[in-house]
Each structure stands twice: as C-alpha cells, then as structure tokens.
N, C-alpha and C. Protein backbone atom coordinates (compact mmCIF):
# COMPACT_ATOMS: atom_id res chain seq x y z
N ASP A 1 93.79 118.30 105.40
CA ASP A 1 95.25 118.68 105.00
C ASP A 1 95.23 117.76 103.75
N VAL A 2 94.54 117.12 102.89
CA VAL A 2 94.52 116.53 101.33
C VAL A 2 95.14 117.69 100.27
N ILE A 3 95.25 119.14 100.26
CA ILE A 3 95.54 120.15 99.91
C ILE A 3 97.13 119.66 99.35
N ASN A 4 97.59 119.59 100.14
CA ASN A 4 98.91 119.22 99.81
C ASN A 4 99.39 117.91 99.79
N TYR A 5 98.38 117.05 98.71
CA TYR A 5 98.87 116.37 98.03
C TYR A 5 98.39 116.32 96.88
N LEU A 6 100.11 115.86 95.94
CA LEU A 6 100.05 115.29 94.92
C LEU A 6 99.16 113.78 94.36
N PRO A 7 98.92 113.84 94.16
CA PRO A 7 97.80 112.45 93.76
C PRO A 7 98.58 111.95 93.12
N VAL A 8 98.77 110.49 93.56
CA VAL A 8 98.98 109.44 91.95
C VAL A 8 97.78 108.92 91.21
N CYS A 9 97.01 109.27 91.44
CA CYS A 9 95.04 108.09 90.08
C CYS A 9 94.95 110.22 89.45
N LEU A 10 94.82 110.87 90.57
CA LEU A 10 95.14 112.48 89.45
C LEU A 10 95.54 112.58 88.34
N ASN A 11 97.18 112.50 88.84
CA ASN A 11 98.19 112.79 87.71
C ASN A 11 98.17 112.32 86.88
N SER A 12 97.80 110.91 87.08
CA SER A 12 98.26 109.90 86.05
C SER A 12 97.27 110.13 84.42
N LEU A 13 96.09 110.24 85.09
CA LEU A 13 94.61 110.82 84.61
C LEU A 13 94.24 111.96 84.24
N ARG A 14 95.68 112.80 84.82
CA ARG A 14 96.10 114.02 83.95
C ARG A 14 96.72 114.12 82.95
N TYR A 15 97.97 112.93 82.83
CA TYR A 15 98.40 112.59 81.89
C TYR A 15 98.28 111.74 80.66
N LYS A 16 97.48 110.53 80.90
CA LYS A 16 96.24 109.91 80.43
C LYS A 16 95.65 111.26 79.25
N MET A 17 94.96 111.93 79.81
CA MET A 17 93.79 113.20 79.00
C MET A 17 95.16 114.63 78.70
N GLU A 18 96.22 114.74 77.91
CA GLU A 18 97.62 115.20 77.72
C GLU A 18 97.79 114.02 77.03
N LYS A 19 97.66 113.26 76.39
CA LYS A 19 98.53 112.72 75.32
C LYS A 19 97.39 111.40 74.97
N GLU A 20 95.77 111.66 75.13
CA GLU A 20 95.22 111.08 74.13
C GLU A 20 94.53 112.61 73.50
N MET A 21 95.03 114.14 73.55
CA MET A 21 95.10 115.22 73.28
C MET A 21 95.00 115.16 71.74
N GLY A 22 96.96 114.94 72.78
CA GLY A 22 97.79 114.67 71.52
C GLY A 22 97.70 114.53 69.78
N VAL A 23 96.51 112.69 70.72
CA VAL A 23 96.56 111.54 69.45
C VAL A 23 94.93 112.74 68.31
N ILE A 24 94.73 113.01 69.19
CA ILE A 24 92.79 113.56 69.13
C ILE A 24 93.30 114.88 68.56
N TYR A 25 94.71 115.52 68.17
CA TYR A 25 94.84 116.30 67.53
C TYR A 25 96.12 116.42 66.51
N GLN A 26 96.38 114.95 66.40
CA GLN A 26 97.51 113.69 65.21
C GLN A 26 96.36 114.17 64.54
N ILE A 27 94.88 113.35 64.53
CA ILE A 27 94.01 112.39 63.91
C ILE A 27 93.92 114.05 62.72
N LEU A 28 92.74 114.87 63.65
CA LEU A 28 92.03 116.11 61.98
C LEU A 28 94.07 116.61 62.05
N ALA A 29 95.26 116.82 62.55
CA ALA A 29 95.85 117.26 61.44
C ALA A 29 95.66 116.54 59.59
N THR A 30 96.03 114.87 60.35
CA THR A 30 96.22 114.66 59.27
C THR A 30 95.20 114.11 58.41
N GLN A 31 93.90 114.56 59.03
CA GLN A 31 91.98 113.22 58.91
C GLN A 31 90.99 113.09 58.09
N ALA A 32 91.42 115.17 58.09
CA ALA A 32 90.86 116.75 57.53
C ALA A 32 90.93 116.67 56.18
N ASN A 33 90.42 116.62 54.87
CA ASN A 33 91.25 116.81 54.45
C ASN A 33 90.06 118.87 54.18
N ASP A 34 88.90 117.93 54.10
CA ASP A 34 88.41 120.20 54.42
C ASP A 34 89.05 121.31 55.11
N ALA A 35 90.19 120.52 56.00
CA ALA A 35 90.34 121.95 56.56
C ALA A 35 91.21 122.34 55.54
N SER A 36 91.77 123.40 55.71
CA SER A 36 92.89 124.25 55.58
C SER A 36 94.07 123.81 55.54
N THR A 37 94.68 124.56 54.91
CA THR A 37 96.86 124.26 55.99
C THR A 37 96.79 124.81 56.81
N LEU A 38 96.46 126.17 56.98
CA LEU A 38 95.97 126.86 58.31
C LEU A 38 95.70 125.96 59.80
N GLU A 39 94.65 125.11 59.05
CA GLU A 39 93.68 124.95 60.30
C GLU A 39 94.35 123.59 61.34
N LYS A 40 95.44 122.66 59.47
CA LYS A 40 96.42 121.37 59.72
C LYS A 40 96.97 121.67 60.46
N GLU A 41 98.11 123.51 60.45
CA GLU A 41 99.48 123.50 60.38
C GLU A 41 98.61 123.18 62.63
N LYS A 42 97.77 124.58 62.81
CA LYS A 42 97.31 124.42 64.45
C LYS A 42 96.28 123.29 64.77
N TRP A 43 96.73 122.08 64.21
CA TRP A 43 96.61 121.19 65.00
C TRP A 43 97.48 120.71 64.83
N GLN A 44 98.60 119.92 64.27
CA GLN A 44 100.03 119.35 65.04
C GLN A 44 100.48 120.75 66.00
N GLU A 45 100.31 121.52 65.61
CA GLU A 45 100.71 122.57 66.62
C GLU A 45 100.45 122.15 68.31
N GLN A 46 99.18 121.91 68.28
CA GLN A 46 97.98 121.42 69.25
C GLN A 46 99.03 120.14 69.46
N SER A 47 99.14 119.64 69.14
CA SER A 47 98.94 117.94 69.14
C SER A 47 100.38 117.66 69.22
N THR A 48 101.79 118.58 69.35
CA THR A 48 102.70 118.33 69.74
C THR A 48 102.87 119.35 71.28
N GLU A 49 101.87 120.03 70.78
CA GLU A 49 102.51 120.88 72.32
C GLU A 49 101.48 120.25 73.55
N TRP A 50 100.25 118.68 72.93
CA TRP A 50 99.24 118.30 74.09
C TRP A 50 100.79 117.20 74.20
N THR A 51 101.53 116.75 73.19
CA THR A 51 102.01 115.07 73.40
C THR A 51 103.63 115.73 74.33
N THR A 52 103.78 116.97 74.12
CA THR A 52 104.70 117.40 75.14
C THR A 52 104.37 117.35 77.00
N ARG A 53 103.07 118.05 77.27
CA ARG A 53 102.99 117.94 78.26
C ARG A 53 102.75 117.17 78.91
N SER A 54 102.11 115.68 78.67
CA SER A 54 102.44 114.39 79.15
C SER A 54 103.45 113.75 79.30
N GLU A 55 104.39 113.41 78.73
CA GLU A 55 105.48 113.89 78.50
C GLU A 55 106.22 114.48 79.74
N GLN A 56 105.74 115.50 79.95
CA GLN A 56 106.11 115.14 81.06
C GLN A 56 105.77 115.84 82.68
N THR A 57 104.35 115.78 82.31
CA THR A 57 103.82 115.87 83.32
C THR A 57 103.92 113.16 83.78
N ALA A 58 105.35 112.62 82.75
CA ALA A 58 104.81 111.01 83.03
C ALA A 58 106.41 111.28 83.85
N LYS A 59 106.93 112.24 83.25
CA LYS A 59 108.23 112.66 84.32
C LYS A 59 108.23 113.14 85.50
N ALA A 60 107.52 114.04 85.71
CA ALA A 60 107.28 114.84 87.16
C ALA A 60 106.53 113.23 87.88
N ILE A 61 105.20 112.28 87.24
CA ILE A 61 104.86 111.82 88.39
C ILE A 61 105.50 110.36 88.43
N ASN A 62 106.40 109.41 87.73
CA ASN A 62 108.20 110.01 88.11
C ASN A 62 109.59 109.99 89.31
N GLU A 63 109.19 111.70 89.27
CA GLU A 63 110.13 111.76 89.65
C GLU A 63 109.40 112.12 91.22
N TRP A 64 108.17 112.26 90.95
CA TRP A 64 107.68 113.46 92.23
C TRP A 64 105.93 111.90 93.25
N LEU A 65 105.70 111.01 92.87
CA LEU A 65 105.91 110.03 93.44
C LEU A 65 105.60 108.88 93.20
N TRP A 66 107.23 108.73 92.70
CA TRP A 66 108.28 107.29 92.40
C TRP A 66 108.09 107.21 93.66
N ASP A 67 107.82 105.99 94.77
CA ASP A 67 108.81 106.17 96.38
C ASP A 67 109.91 105.34 96.84
N GLU A 68 111.35 104.76 96.34
CA GLU A 68 111.81 104.02 96.39
C GLU A 68 112.04 103.03 97.87
N GLY A 69 110.92 103.30 98.48
CA GLY A 69 110.55 102.99 99.98
C GLY A 69 111.69 103.52 101.17
N GLY A 70 111.31 103.11 102.07
CA GLY A 70 112.22 102.58 103.12
C GLY A 70 112.74 102.17 104.09
N LEU A 71 114.07 101.98 104.39
CA LEU A 71 113.97 100.74 105.51
C LEU A 71 114.41 100.75 107.38
N ASP A 72 113.95 100.50 108.22
CA ASP A 72 114.19 100.85 109.24
C ASP A 72 116.16 100.54 110.10
N GLU A 73 116.59 100.38 111.36
CA GLU A 73 118.03 99.77 111.35
C GLU A 73 117.96 98.90 111.38
N HIS A 74 116.41 97.91 111.21
CA HIS A 74 117.17 96.44 111.34
C HIS A 74 116.85 96.07 109.97
N LYS A 75 116.63 96.78 109.23
CA LYS A 75 116.12 96.58 107.57
C LYS A 75 115.22 95.98 107.21
N ASN A 76 113.89 96.50 107.93
CA ASN A 76 112.11 96.33 107.65
C ASN A 76 111.90 97.73 106.84
N TRP A 77 111.06 96.86 106.18
CA TRP A 77 110.22 97.87 105.24
C TRP A 77 109.28 99.39 106.20
N ILE A 78 109.37 100.54 106.88
CA ILE A 78 108.82 101.42 106.73
C ILE A 78 108.52 101.93 106.36
N ARG A 79 108.57 102.41 104.95
CA ARG A 79 108.11 102.41 103.97
C ARG A 79 108.34 101.37 102.48
N GLU A 80 107.41 101.00 102.22
CA GLU A 80 107.97 100.60 100.39
C GLU A 80 107.44 100.94 99.47
N PRO A 81 108.91 100.10 98.41
CA PRO A 81 108.44 101.21 97.28
C PRO A 81 107.23 101.11 96.68
N GLY A 82 107.33 102.20 95.77
CA GLY A 82 105.51 102.58 95.31
C GLY A 82 105.35 103.49 95.00
N PHE A 83 104.34 103.53 94.08
CA PHE A 83 103.74 104.75 93.32
C PHE A 83 103.01 105.73 94.95
N HIS A 84 103.51 107.33 95.80
CA HIS A 84 102.00 106.91 96.47
C HIS A 84 102.62 108.41 96.21
N ASP A 85 100.66 109.33 96.83
CA ASP A 85 100.80 110.53 96.92
C ASP A 85 101.94 111.20 97.44
N PHE A 86 102.27 112.52 97.32
CA PHE A 86 103.45 113.01 97.70
C PHE A 86 103.10 114.36 98.43
N ASN A 87 102.83 114.78 99.93
CA ASN A 87 103.02 115.75 100.09
C ASN A 87 104.02 117.17 99.82
N ILE A 88 102.58 117.89 99.33
CA ILE A 88 104.20 118.92 99.22
C ILE A 88 104.44 120.06 100.13
N ASN A 89 104.51 119.97 101.90
CA ASN A 89 103.60 121.04 102.62
C ASN A 89 105.52 120.63 103.77
N THR A 90 106.10 121.06 103.52
CA THR A 90 107.28 119.90 104.18
C THR A 90 107.72 121.07 104.91
N GLU A 91 107.19 121.90 105.42
CA GLU A 91 107.31 122.85 106.99
C GLU A 91 106.59 122.13 107.97
N LEU A 92 105.22 121.93 106.99
CA LEU A 92 103.81 121.42 108.02
C LEU A 92 104.82 119.30 108.65
N CYS A 93 104.99 118.24 107.67
CA CYS A 93 105.93 117.35 107.92
C CYS A 93 106.68 117.00 108.55
N THR A 94 107.71 117.72 108.42
CA THR A 94 109.29 118.48 109.05
C THR A 94 108.09 118.93 110.79
N LYS A 95 107.62 119.73 110.75
CA LYS A 95 107.31 119.74 112.24
C LYS A 95 106.04 118.87 112.99
N TYR A 96 105.47 118.03 112.06
CA TYR A 96 105.07 116.46 112.81
C TYR A 96 105.23 115.20 112.57
N ASN A 97 106.89 116.16 112.51
CA ASN A 97 107.85 114.46 111.44
C ASN A 97 106.55 113.46 110.39
N ILE A 98 105.95 113.72 109.65
CA ILE A 98 105.22 113.14 109.20
C ILE A 98 106.14 112.86 107.15
N PRO A 99 106.27 111.17 106.78
CA PRO A 99 107.28 111.86 105.74
C PRO A 99 106.63 112.55 104.35
N GLN A 100 107.16 113.06 103.60
CA GLN A 100 106.56 113.57 102.12
C GLN A 100 105.11 112.00 101.27
N SER A 101 106.47 111.00 101.23
CA SER A 101 105.98 110.72 100.23
C SER A 101 104.90 109.33 101.33
N ARG A 102 103.23 109.23 100.84
CA ARG A 102 102.24 108.48 101.87
C ARG A 102 102.74 107.68 101.09
N ALA A 103 103.13 107.02 102.98
CA ALA A 103 103.47 105.16 103.35
C ALA A 103 101.83 105.14 102.96
N TYR A 104 100.81 104.87 102.38
CA TYR A 104 99.52 103.81 102.28
C TYR A 104 98.92 103.60 100.94
N ASN A 105 99.40 102.26 100.99
CA ASN A 105 98.69 101.67 100.44
C ASN A 105 97.52 100.99 99.84
N PHE A 106 96.67 101.88 98.66
CA PHE A 106 95.89 102.02 97.75
C PHE A 106 95.88 101.61 96.43
N ALA A 107 95.14 101.28 95.32
CA ALA A 107 94.91 100.42 94.79
C ALA A 107 95.72 101.64 93.35
N THR A 108 95.61 102.57 94.36
CA THR A 108 95.53 103.77 92.94
C THR A 108 97.14 104.08 92.31
N SER A 109 97.50 103.62 93.72
CA SER A 109 98.91 102.93 92.99
C SER A 109 98.90 102.00 91.69
N PHE A 110 97.98 101.80 91.15
CA PHE A 110 98.20 100.49 89.37
C PHE A 110 97.95 102.24 88.71
N TYR A 111 97.57 102.93 88.67
CA TYR A 111 97.30 104.13 87.88
C TYR A 111 98.69 103.94 86.53
N PRO A 112 100.04 104.58 87.42
CA PRO A 112 100.82 104.86 87.52
C PRO A 112 101.29 103.34 85.59
N MET A 113 101.18 102.39 86.68
CA MET A 113 100.79 101.41 85.13
C MET A 113 98.95 101.22 83.90
N TRP A 114 99.11 101.46 84.53
CA TRP A 114 97.34 101.55 83.34
C TRP A 114 97.10 102.64 82.36
N VAL A 115 98.31 103.72 82.30
CA VAL A 115 98.57 104.81 81.43
C VAL A 115 100.09 104.38 80.54
N GLY A 116 100.87 103.43 81.57
CA GLY A 116 101.79 102.37 80.39
C GLY A 116 102.98 103.87 80.85
N ILE A 117 103.45 104.19 82.20
CA ILE A 117 104.59 105.27 82.50
C ILE A 117 105.39 104.31 83.30
N ALA A 118 104.95 103.88 84.04
CA ALA A 118 105.98 103.33 85.02
C ALA A 118 106.60 102.81 84.30
N SER A 119 107.90 101.76 84.75
CA SER A 119 108.20 100.56 84.44
C SER A 119 109.06 99.46 85.13
N LYS A 120 109.73 99.04 83.66
CA LYS A 120 109.01 97.15 84.16
C LYS A 120 109.76 97.43 85.45
N LYS A 121 111.19 98.01 86.16
CA LYS A 121 110.92 97.73 87.53
C LYS A 121 109.95 97.92 88.86
N GLN A 122 109.54 99.57 88.44
CA GLN A 122 108.33 99.56 89.24
C GLN A 122 107.71 98.70 88.83
N ALA A 123 106.82 98.23 87.27
CA ALA A 123 105.98 97.42 87.81
C ALA A 123 105.54 96.67 88.97
N GLN A 124 106.71 96.02 88.32
CA GLN A 124 107.71 94.99 89.59
C GLN A 124 107.44 94.64 91.24
N GLU A 125 107.91 96.06 91.75
CA GLU A 125 107.70 96.38 93.26
C GLU A 125 106.45 96.13 93.06
N THR A 126 105.74 97.24 92.01
CA THR A 126 104.39 97.51 92.84
C THR A 126 102.47 96.17 92.79
N VAL A 127 103.77 95.30 91.49
CA VAL A 127 103.08 93.54 91.93
C VAL A 127 103.67 93.41 92.72
N ASP A 128 105.10 93.31 93.10
CA ASP A 128 105.36 92.76 94.31
C ASP A 128 105.06 92.67 96.09
N ARG A 129 105.01 94.18 96.15
CA ARG A 129 104.60 94.70 97.13
C ARG A 129 103.26 94.77 97.34
N LEU A 130 102.29 95.61 96.60
CA LEU A 130 101.86 95.83 96.47
C LEU A 130 100.22 94.71 96.47
N LEU A 131 100.05 94.63 95.55
CA LEU A 131 99.02 93.82 95.15
C LEU A 131 98.30 92.51 96.35
N PRO A 132 99.77 91.08 97.11
CA PRO A 132 99.40 90.69 98.04
C PRO A 132 99.21 91.54 99.07
N LYS A 133 98.88 92.71 100.00
CA LYS A 133 98.55 93.09 100.30
C LYS A 133 96.51 93.77 100.17
N LEU A 134 96.59 93.86 98.85
CA LEU A 134 95.03 94.84 98.47
C LEU A 134 94.05 92.83 97.56
N GLN A 135 94.77 92.29 97.15
CA GLN A 135 94.15 91.15 96.67
C GLN A 135 93.45 90.22 97.31
N THR A 136 92.16 90.20 96.70
CA THR A 136 91.64 88.77 97.85
C THR A 136 90.32 88.55 97.27
N GLN A 137 89.31 87.00 97.16
CA GLN A 137 88.51 86.19 96.36
C GLN A 137 88.40 86.71 96.21
N TRP A 138 88.05 87.91 96.33
CA TRP A 138 86.77 88.63 95.43
C TRP A 138 86.87 90.20 94.20
N GLY A 139 88.58 90.60 94.65
CA GLY A 139 88.52 90.64 93.40
C GLY A 139 89.79 92.91 94.39
N VAL A 140 90.24 93.40 93.60
CA VAL A 140 91.32 93.83 94.56
C VAL A 140 90.43 95.14 95.72
N MET A 141 90.99 95.50 96.77
CA MET A 141 90.44 96.33 97.44
C MET A 141 90.72 97.45 97.36
N ALA A 142 89.85 98.60 98.39
CA ALA A 142 90.58 100.21 98.25
C ALA A 142 91.62 100.28 98.21
N SER A 143 91.97 99.94 98.94
CA SER A 143 93.00 100.01 100.54
C SER A 143 94.00 99.10 101.32
N SER A 144 94.35 98.66 102.13
CA SER A 144 95.10 97.53 102.73
C SER A 144 94.45 98.56 104.90
N ARG A 145 94.44 99.45 104.17
CA ARG A 145 94.42 100.18 106.23
C ARG A 145 93.19 99.85 105.97
N ARG A 146 92.15 98.82 107.51
CA ARG A 146 90.73 99.74 107.88
C ARG A 146 91.07 100.78 108.76
N SER A 147 90.22 101.82 108.75
CA SER A 147 89.25 102.80 109.24
C SER A 147 87.76 102.62 109.69
N GLY A 148 87.29 102.60 108.56
CA GLY A 148 85.65 102.71 108.81
C GLY A 148 85.87 103.89 107.15
N SER A 149 86.45 103.44 107.07
CA SER A 149 86.09 104.94 105.37
C SER A 149 85.33 103.45 104.62
N GLN A 150 84.72 103.94 103.93
CA GLN A 150 84.56 103.63 102.87
C GLN A 150 85.01 103.15 101.59
N TRP A 151 86.55 103.68 101.50
CA TRP A 151 87.53 103.49 100.48
C TRP A 151 88.61 102.89 101.52
N ASP A 152 87.90 102.24 102.49
CA ASP A 152 89.70 101.43 102.66
C ASP A 152 88.69 100.19 103.48
N LYS A 153 90.22 99.01 103.17
CA LYS A 153 89.58 97.34 103.88
C LYS A 153 88.32 97.30 104.34
N PRO A 154 87.38 96.43 104.35
CA PRO A 154 87.09 95.27 103.35
C PRO A 154 87.22 96.00 101.95
N PHE A 155 86.78 96.91 101.73
CA PHE A 155 86.06 97.16 100.30
C PHE A 155 86.00 97.52 98.42
N LEU A 156 85.86 96.98 98.21
CA LEU A 156 85.47 97.54 97.19
C LEU A 156 85.66 98.20 95.98
N TRP A 157 86.26 98.72 95.20
CA TRP A 157 85.74 99.46 94.09
C TRP A 157 85.78 99.43 92.76
N ALA A 158 84.39 99.21 91.79
CA ALA A 158 84.52 98.63 90.64
C ALA A 158 85.72 99.20 89.74
N PRO A 159 85.31 100.74 89.62
CA PRO A 159 87.25 101.26 88.68
C PRO A 159 88.07 100.93 89.01
N LEU A 160 88.32 100.46 90.45
CA LEU A 160 89.67 100.47 90.76
C LEU A 160 89.85 99.29 90.69
N VAL A 161 88.82 98.44 90.67
CA VAL A 161 89.48 96.87 90.07
C VAL A 161 89.43 97.37 88.64
N VAL A 162 88.94 97.51 88.22
CA VAL A 162 89.09 97.33 86.10
C VAL A 162 90.95 97.88 86.11
N VAL A 163 90.62 99.15 86.34
CA VAL A 163 92.11 99.68 86.73
C VAL A 163 93.28 98.75 86.89
N THR A 164 93.54 98.70 87.45
CA THR A 164 93.99 96.98 88.87
C THR A 164 94.25 96.24 87.26
N VAL A 165 92.79 95.58 87.20
CA VAL A 165 93.62 94.23 85.99
C VAL A 165 93.58 94.72 84.76
N GLU A 166 92.92 96.33 84.80
CA GLU A 166 94.12 96.36 82.86
C GLU A 166 95.62 96.84 82.95
N ALA A 167 95.90 97.66 84.48
CA ALA A 167 96.90 97.78 84.70
C ALA A 167 98.02 96.00 84.87
N LEU A 168 97.42 95.42 85.51
CA LEU A 168 98.68 93.66 85.28
C LEU A 168 98.69 93.71 83.83
N GLU A 169 97.63 93.95 83.16
CA GLU A 169 97.20 92.99 82.26
C GLU A 169 98.31 93.53 80.49
N LYS A 170 98.18 95.41 81.78
CA LYS A 170 99.64 96.22 80.36
C LYS A 170 101.02 94.96 80.49
N TYR A 171 100.97 94.35 81.78
CA TYR A 171 102.69 95.09 81.62
C TYR A 171 101.85 93.47 81.83
N LYS A 172 101.68 92.75 81.70
CA LYS A 172 101.29 90.82 81.16
C LYS A 172 101.74 90.32 82.52
N TYR A 173 100.87 90.48 84.07
CA TYR A 173 100.82 90.29 84.93
C TYR A 173 99.64 89.12 84.45
N TYR A 174 99.33 88.22 84.27
CA TYR A 174 97.77 87.14 84.17
C TYR A 174 97.89 86.37 85.08
N GLU A 175 98.70 86.13 86.34
CA GLU A 175 98.02 84.96 87.14
C GLU A 175 97.21 85.34 88.17
C-alpha cells in the first residue's frame, strides 16, 4: 500500500531541493559577470519559479502531512499530533477503517523541522510527543514500533539521527 502514501521525508526533501534550486539560480543571476542580460533574466525567472515551487510544497506539507491528532471518548490520544505520512486512497481507508494520517511514530517526522517549515507549535508538539518515544541513550530510534524490520525499534539509522539533531538545534532545543 506504500504507493498510496505521501511521505513526510520525501516531500520535505523535495521542498529543500526546490528552495536550494531557487538560491542557486539567484546566485547565477547576481554573480555571473560574463553572462548576457538575457541569461541573467532567465536565471532570475528560474530562481522565482523554484522559490515559488518550494513555497507551494511547504504549504502542501503543512496542509496534508500535519495531523492535529485525535482523541477517543475518554480523551486519550488515538493519534498524536505530528507530521505523518498521508494515505491518499480514501476508498481503501474507508473500506478498512484506516486513518488517512498514518499514526506511526517515525523519526522522519522531524524532517519538516530540519528543513525549517514547521511552525513553533508544530515543533513543540513533535518534541513533546514524539522525541520521548524515540530517544535512547545511544540516539534516536528510527521508529517506536517493534516489528522486526530494520527501520523499526530498536534500530537507529545514522542519517535520521543527524536530521533529528539538526532539526532540534534549528528550533533551539539543545537539552
């Protein structure tokens, strides 16, 4: 069913790439002394296009992949607030009673913080609710679910640890 999910990590990486392309074209437009005026204008247009794409991607991530969570009748969290992969197959979700927002505690939820598009409130919710479930004395586990998969508890994956640490630093969570 993986083809039906909009993943947090890949969409955050897409945002980062689009934003960096905008920066690259802006540098070309402003620092290329030997380029013609036409080339500089073309690079400026490309910079604007990529910057606009990154802004649209950031907006979509916040609209589609941020989940405010859900409470049961006793006010216990059945889905905690956070950035989660989103299942676009509404029919399948309805048929099998699957929530569209994947309630899976995975370190990729820190990617929107890492790329700088999470609000302060979203960052606080992620740190308060997700970090305690993933943090160990050795680092941050890939997920809090024990499934036997290499991507799940108790395993750590170095790139996810780096992304998580840099995300926490970006939002001034140093302790």
